[in-house]
């Protein structure tokens, strides 16, 4: 039973619980209060996360864990916030703690893959992202990050297959388009690379850090007299990570 479904069932059962439970029950009362408090704090964190207030979100997720130290979704979101803040060690601690409690939680494996990719642990990144892919329905973000890890490991054929699937799932995913362009470029197919670079430029938000380098590369491909140089693997080989909600809840 997912956490969100359990909350709904408790809200329905509450009047019956109150009628049949003893007022001085040392277990049922505090346990239920902590459960509800952690859920309220988690929802507060989600709202702060979605309006871009990372500090408030972090405080709310911490509060959720104070009430429920085994709240896996809160750990995953804390890991993502720490990763965005550049604290890879803290991000690793939170996501590993989540995996220790729930070894088959796809979102935790997906984020562990991103943490490993940022940390240069490419082999673990591939393992974690492959497992996330196996445990959940196809997800463009998971596939985009898996493609990035495969490119870094030199497995270009598999990377191209994975990234093509990501774009089929989400044609608007600029990160998948850029990673696929890089895979084609590394494979020596400059025409296909130029196509996907162009697709990235059409999709990318203004101000994206890779735009200028991609434009230079496209110009280099177009000018057959120029010496071909390729963007480095730090161009943008990972995608953003979505806010994790309750398991089974639509985001």
Protein backbone atom coordinates (compact mmCIF):
# COMPACT_ATOMS: atom_id res chain seq x y z
CA UNK A 1 0.00 0.00 0.00
CA UNK A 2 1.41 3.37 -0.94
CA UNK A 3 1.85 6.17 1.53
CA UNK A 4 -0.77 8.36 -0.18
CA UNK A 5 -3.40 5.62 -0.24
CA UNK A 6 -2.75 4.90 3.43
CA UNK A 7 -3.41 8.56 4.26
CA UNK A 8 -6.75 8.44 2.45
CA UNK A 9 -7.81 5.28 4.27
CA UNK A 10 -6.86 6.72 7.63
CA UNK A 11 -8.94 9.83 6.99
CA UNK A 12 -11.96 7.64 6.23
CA UNK A 13 -11.39 5.37 9.23
CA UNK A 14 -10.69 8.13 11.75
CA UNK A 15 -14.21 8.41 13.27
CA UNK A 16 -14.34 4.64 13.82
CA UNK A 17 -10.82 4.70 15.28
CA UNK A 18 -11.84 7.43 17.73
CA UNK A 19 -14.91 5.51 18.79
CA UNK A 20 -13.19 2.22 19.53
CA UNK A 21 -9.74 3.32 20.74
CA UNK A 22 -9.05 4.12 24.34
CA UNK A 23 -8.17 7.75 24.96
CA UNK A 24 -5.04 6.76 26.83
CA UNK A 25 -3.80 4.30 24.19
CA UNK A 26 0.02 4.78 24.36
CA UNK A 27 0.62 3.54 20.82
CA UNK A 28 -2.29 4.34 18.51
CA UNK A 29 -2.69 8.02 19.40
CA UNK A 30 0.94 9.22 19.07
CA UNK A 31 1.59 6.99 16.04
CA UNK A 32 -1.36 8.43 14.16
CA UNK A 33 -0.50 12.00 15.12
CA UNK A 34 3.09 11.56 13.94
CA UNK A 35 1.90 10.01 10.69
CA UNK A 36 -0.46 12.87 9.98
CA UNK A 37 2.12 15.50 11.00
CA UNK A 38 4.72 14.03 8.67
CA UNK A 39 2.22 14.01 5.79
CA UNK A 40 1.25 17.65 6.35
CA UNK A 41 4.93 18.66 6.47
CA UNK A 42 5.66 16.70 3.30
CA UNK A 43 2.84 18.39 1.39
CA UNK A 44 4.15 21.74 2.61
CA UNK A 45 7.55 20.77 1.24
CA UNK A 46 6.06 19.86 -2.14
CA UNK A 47 4.32 23.21 -2.41
CA UNK A 48 7.51 25.08 -1.51
CA UNK A 49 9.46 22.94 -3.97
CA UNK A 50 7.10 23.74 -6.80
CA UNK A 51 7.27 27.47 -6.22
CA UNK A 52 11.09 27.30 -6.19
CA UNK A 53 11.68 27.91 -2.47
CA UNK A 54 14.32 25.24 -1.83
CA UNK A 55 15.11 26.40 1.70
CA UNK A 56 11.48 26.18 2.82
CA UNK A 57 11.12 22.82 1.08
CA UNK A 58 14.19 21.46 2.83
CA UNK A 59 12.90 22.57 6.23
CA UNK A 60 9.52 20.98 5.57
CA UNK A 61 11.02 17.66 4.46
CA UNK A 62 13.24 17.67 7.54
CA UNK A 63 10.15 18.27 9.65
CA UNK A 64 8.41 15.33 7.96
CA UNK A 65 11.35 13.11 8.85
CA UNK A 66 11.32 14.32 12.45
CA UNK A 67 7.77 13.01 12.72
CA UNK A 68 8.43 9.90 10.64
CA UNK A 69 12.13 8.93 10.41
CA UNK A 70 11.33 6.30 7.75
CA UNK A 71 9.60 8.63 5.28
CA UNK A 72 11.39 7.51 2.11
CA UNK A 73 9.90 10.11 -0.27
CA UNK A 74 11.08 12.92 2.01
CA UNK A 75 14.60 11.46 1.96
CA UNK A 76 14.59 11.33 -1.85
CA UNK A 77 13.48 14.95 -2.12
CA UNK A 78 16.08 16.04 0.43
CA UNK A 79 18.73 14.23 -1.60
CA UNK A 80 17.63 16.08 -4.73
CA UNK A 81 17.80 19.44 -2.94
CA UNK A 82 21.29 18.70 -1.61
CA UNK A 83 22.37 17.71 -5.11
CA UNK A 84 21.03 21.00 -6.51
CA UNK A 85 23.01 22.80 -3.78
CA UNK A 86 26.18 21.00 -4.89
CA UNK A 87 26.54 18.86 -1.75
CA UNK A 88 27.04 15.47 -3.38
CA UNK A 89 28.04 13.74 -0.14
CA UNK A 90 24.82 14.81 1.61
CA UNK A 91 22.78 13.85 -1.45
CA UNK A 92 24.42 10.43 -1.44
CA UNK A 93 23.70 9.90 2.26
CA UNK A 94 20.01 10.67 1.90
CA UNK A 95 19.43 8.55 -1.19
CA UNK A 96 21.40 5.62 0.22
CA UNK A 97 19.35 5.83 3.40
CA UNK A 98 16.16 5.74 1.31
CA UNK A 99 17.39 2.69 -0.61
CA UNK A 100 18.32 0.90 2.60
CA UNK A 101 14.72 1.27 3.78
CA UNK A 102 13.07 0.57 0.43
CA UNK A 103 15.44 -1.22 -1.97
CA UNK A 104 12.96 -1.37 -4.87
CA UNK A 105 11.80 2.25 -4.89
CA UNK A 106 12.36 3.40 -8.52
CA UNK A 107 12.66 7.12 -7.71
CA UNK A 108 15.48 6.44 -5.25
CA UNK A 109 17.40 4.41 -7.82
CA UNK A 110 16.81 7.11 -10.45
CA UNK A 111 18.20 9.80 -8.15
CA UNK A 112 21.09 7.58 -7.02
CA UNK A 113 21.98 7.32 -10.69
CA UNK A 114 22.03 11.10 -11.08
CA UNK A 115 24.13 11.50 -7.91
CA UNK A 116 26.59 8.91 -9.23
CA UNK A 117 26.72 10.60 -12.62
CA UNK A 118 27.54 13.94 -11.00
CA UNK A 119 30.14 12.25 -8.82
CA UNK A 120 31.88 10.54 -11.74
CA UNK A 121 30.84 7.05 -10.62
CA UNK A 122 29.64 6.08 -14.09
CA UNK A 123 29.37 2.33 -13.53
CA UNK A 124 27.10 2.78 -10.53
CA UNK A 125 25.10 5.42 -12.40
CA UNK A 126 24.37 2.93 -15.19
CA UNK A 127 23.41 0.19 -12.74
CA UNK A 128 21.09 2.45 -10.74
CA UNK A 129 19.40 3.96 -13.80
CA UNK A 130 18.93 0.59 -15.45
CA UNK A 131 17.29 -0.67 -12.27
CA UNK A 132 15.05 2.40 -12.11
CA UNK A 133 14.07 1.70 -15.71
CA UNK A 134 13.19 -1.91 -14.88
CA UNK A 135 11.17 -1.10 -11.76
CA UNK A 136 8.88 1.56 -13.20
CA UNK A 137 7.06 2.50 -16.41
CA UNK A 138 9.26 4.23 -19.03
CA UNK A 139 10.34 7.70 -17.93
CA UNK A 140 12.04 10.24 -20.20
CA UNK A 141 14.19 11.65 -17.39
CA UNK A 142 15.50 8.24 -16.35
CA UNK A 143 16.27 7.38 -19.97
CA UNK A 144 17.97 10.73 -20.59
CA UNK A 145 20.26 10.26 -17.61
CA UNK A 146 20.93 6.64 -18.54
CA UNK A 147 21.88 7.79 -22.03
CA UNK A 148 24.28 10.33 -20.53
CA UNK A 149 25.93 7.66 -18.39
CA UNK A 150 26.24 5.32 -21.38
CA UNK A 151 27.86 8.07 -23.45
CA UNK A 152 30.41 8.65 -20.71
CA UNK A 153 31.21 4.96 -20.67
CA UNK A 154 31.63 4.88 -24.45
CA UNK A 155 28.57 2.67 -25.09
CA UNK A 156 27.30 4.83 -27.91
CA UNK A 157 25.02 2.35 -29.68
CA UNK A 158 23.06 1.63 -26.51
CA UNK A 159 23.06 5.33 -25.61
CA UNK A 160 21.47 6.24 -28.93
CA UNK A 161 18.74 3.61 -28.51
CA UNK A 162 17.94 4.81 -24.99
CA UNK A 163 17.88 8.49 -25.96
CA UNK A 164 15.69 7.87 -29.00
CA UNK A 165 13.22 6.16 -26.66
CA UNK A 166 13.38 9.18 -24.33
CA UNK A 167 12.48 11.52 -27.18
CA UNK A 168 9.63 9.28 -28.28
CA UNK A 169 8.25 9.47 -24.75
CA UNK A 170 8.78 13.23 -24.45
CA UNK A 171 9.48 15.03 -27.75
CA UNK A 172 9.97 18.28 -25.81
CA UNK A 173 12.87 16.99 -23.69
CA UNK A 174 15.75 19.26 -24.71
CA UNK A 175 18.28 17.34 -22.60
CA UNK A 176 17.50 14.10 -24.44
CA UNK A 177 17.93 15.89 -27.80
CA UNK A 178 21.31 17.30 -26.75
CA UNK A 179 22.55 14.00 -25.38
CA UNK A 180 21.48 12.24 -28.57
CA UNK A 181 23.30 14.88 -30.63
CA UNK A 182 26.44 14.23 -28.58
CA UNK A 183 26.08 10.47 -29.08
CA UNK A 184 25.73 10.92 -32.85
CA UNK A 185 28.68 13.32 -32.89
CA UNK A 186 30.86 10.87 -30.99
CA UNK A 187 29.77 8.13 -33.40
CA UNK A 188 30.97 10.24 -36.34
CA UNK A 189 27.54 10.93 -37.87
CA UNK A 190 27.76 14.70 -38.14
CA UNK A 191 24.57 15.03 -40.20
CA UNK A 192 22.42 13.34 -37.57
CA UNK A 193 24.30 15.22 -34.87
CA UNK A 194 23.46 18.52 -36.57
CA UNK A 195 19.80 17.50 -36.75
CA UNK A 196 19.59 16.82 -33.02
CA UNK A 197 21.66 19.88 -32.13
CA UNK A 198 19.10 21.89 -34.07
CA UNK A 199 16.29 20.16 -32.23
CA UNK A 200 17.96 21.00 -28.92
CA UNK A 201 18.27 24.67 -29.90
CA UNK A 202 14.57 24.75 -30.78
CA UNK A 203 13.62 23.24 -27.42
CA UNK A 204 16.12 24.75 -24.98
CA UNK A 205 15.13 27.56 -22.69
CA UNK A 206 16.81 30.90 -23.29
CA UNK A 207 19.89 31.24 -21.15
CA UNK A 208 20.71 27.52 -21.11
CA UNK A 209 24.43 27.17 -20.60
CA UNK A 210 24.99 24.83 -23.58
CA UNK A 211 23.36 26.98 -26.26
CA UNK A 212 26.47 28.94 -27.28
CA UNK A 213 28.62 25.82 -27.51
CA UNK A 214 25.99 23.99 -29.52
CA UNK A 215 25.72 26.88 -31.97
CA UNK A 216 29.48 26.83 -32.46
CA UNK A 217 29.39 23.10 -33.10
CA UNK A 218 26.55 23.42 -35.62
CA UNK A 219 28.53 26.12 -37.42
CA UNK A 220 31.57 23.84 -37.42
CA UNK A 221 29.58 21.00 -38.95
CA UNK A 222 28.16 23.33 -41.62
CA UNK A 223 31.61 24.64 -42.53
CA UNK A 224 33.30 21.60 -44.03
CA UNK A 225 36.56 23.54 -44.23
CA UNK A 226 36.78 23.98 -40.48
CA UNK A 227 38.53 21.62 -38.14
CA UNK A 228 35.86 19.63 -36.34
CA UNK A 229 35.79 20.07 -32.61
CA UNK A 230 33.17 18.53 -30.40
CA UNK A 231 31.62 19.83 -27.23
CA UNK A 232 33.01 18.23 -24.12
CA UNK A 233 31.03 15.83 -22.00
CA UNK A 234 30.40 18.57 -19.47
CA UNK A 235 28.09 20.34 -21.95
CA UNK A 236 24.91 19.01 -20.38
CA UNK A 237 24.87 15.27 -20.03
CA UNK A 238 22.27 15.06 -17.31
CA UNK A 239 18.69 16.13 -17.10
CA UNK A 240 16.89 17.97 -14.39
CA UNK A 241 15.35 15.75 -11.73
CA UNK A 242 11.62 16.06 -11.07
CA UNK A 243 10.12 16.64 -7.65
CA UNK A 244 9.17 13.29 -6.15
CA UNK A 245 5.66 13.03 -4.79
CA UNK A 246 4.04 10.22 -2.86
CA UNK A 247 4.41 6.83 -4.51
CA UNK A 248 1.50 6.32 -6.83
CA UNK A 249 0.39 9.96 -6.70
CA UNK A 250 0.33 11.83 -9.98
CA UNK A 251 2.72 14.76 -10.02
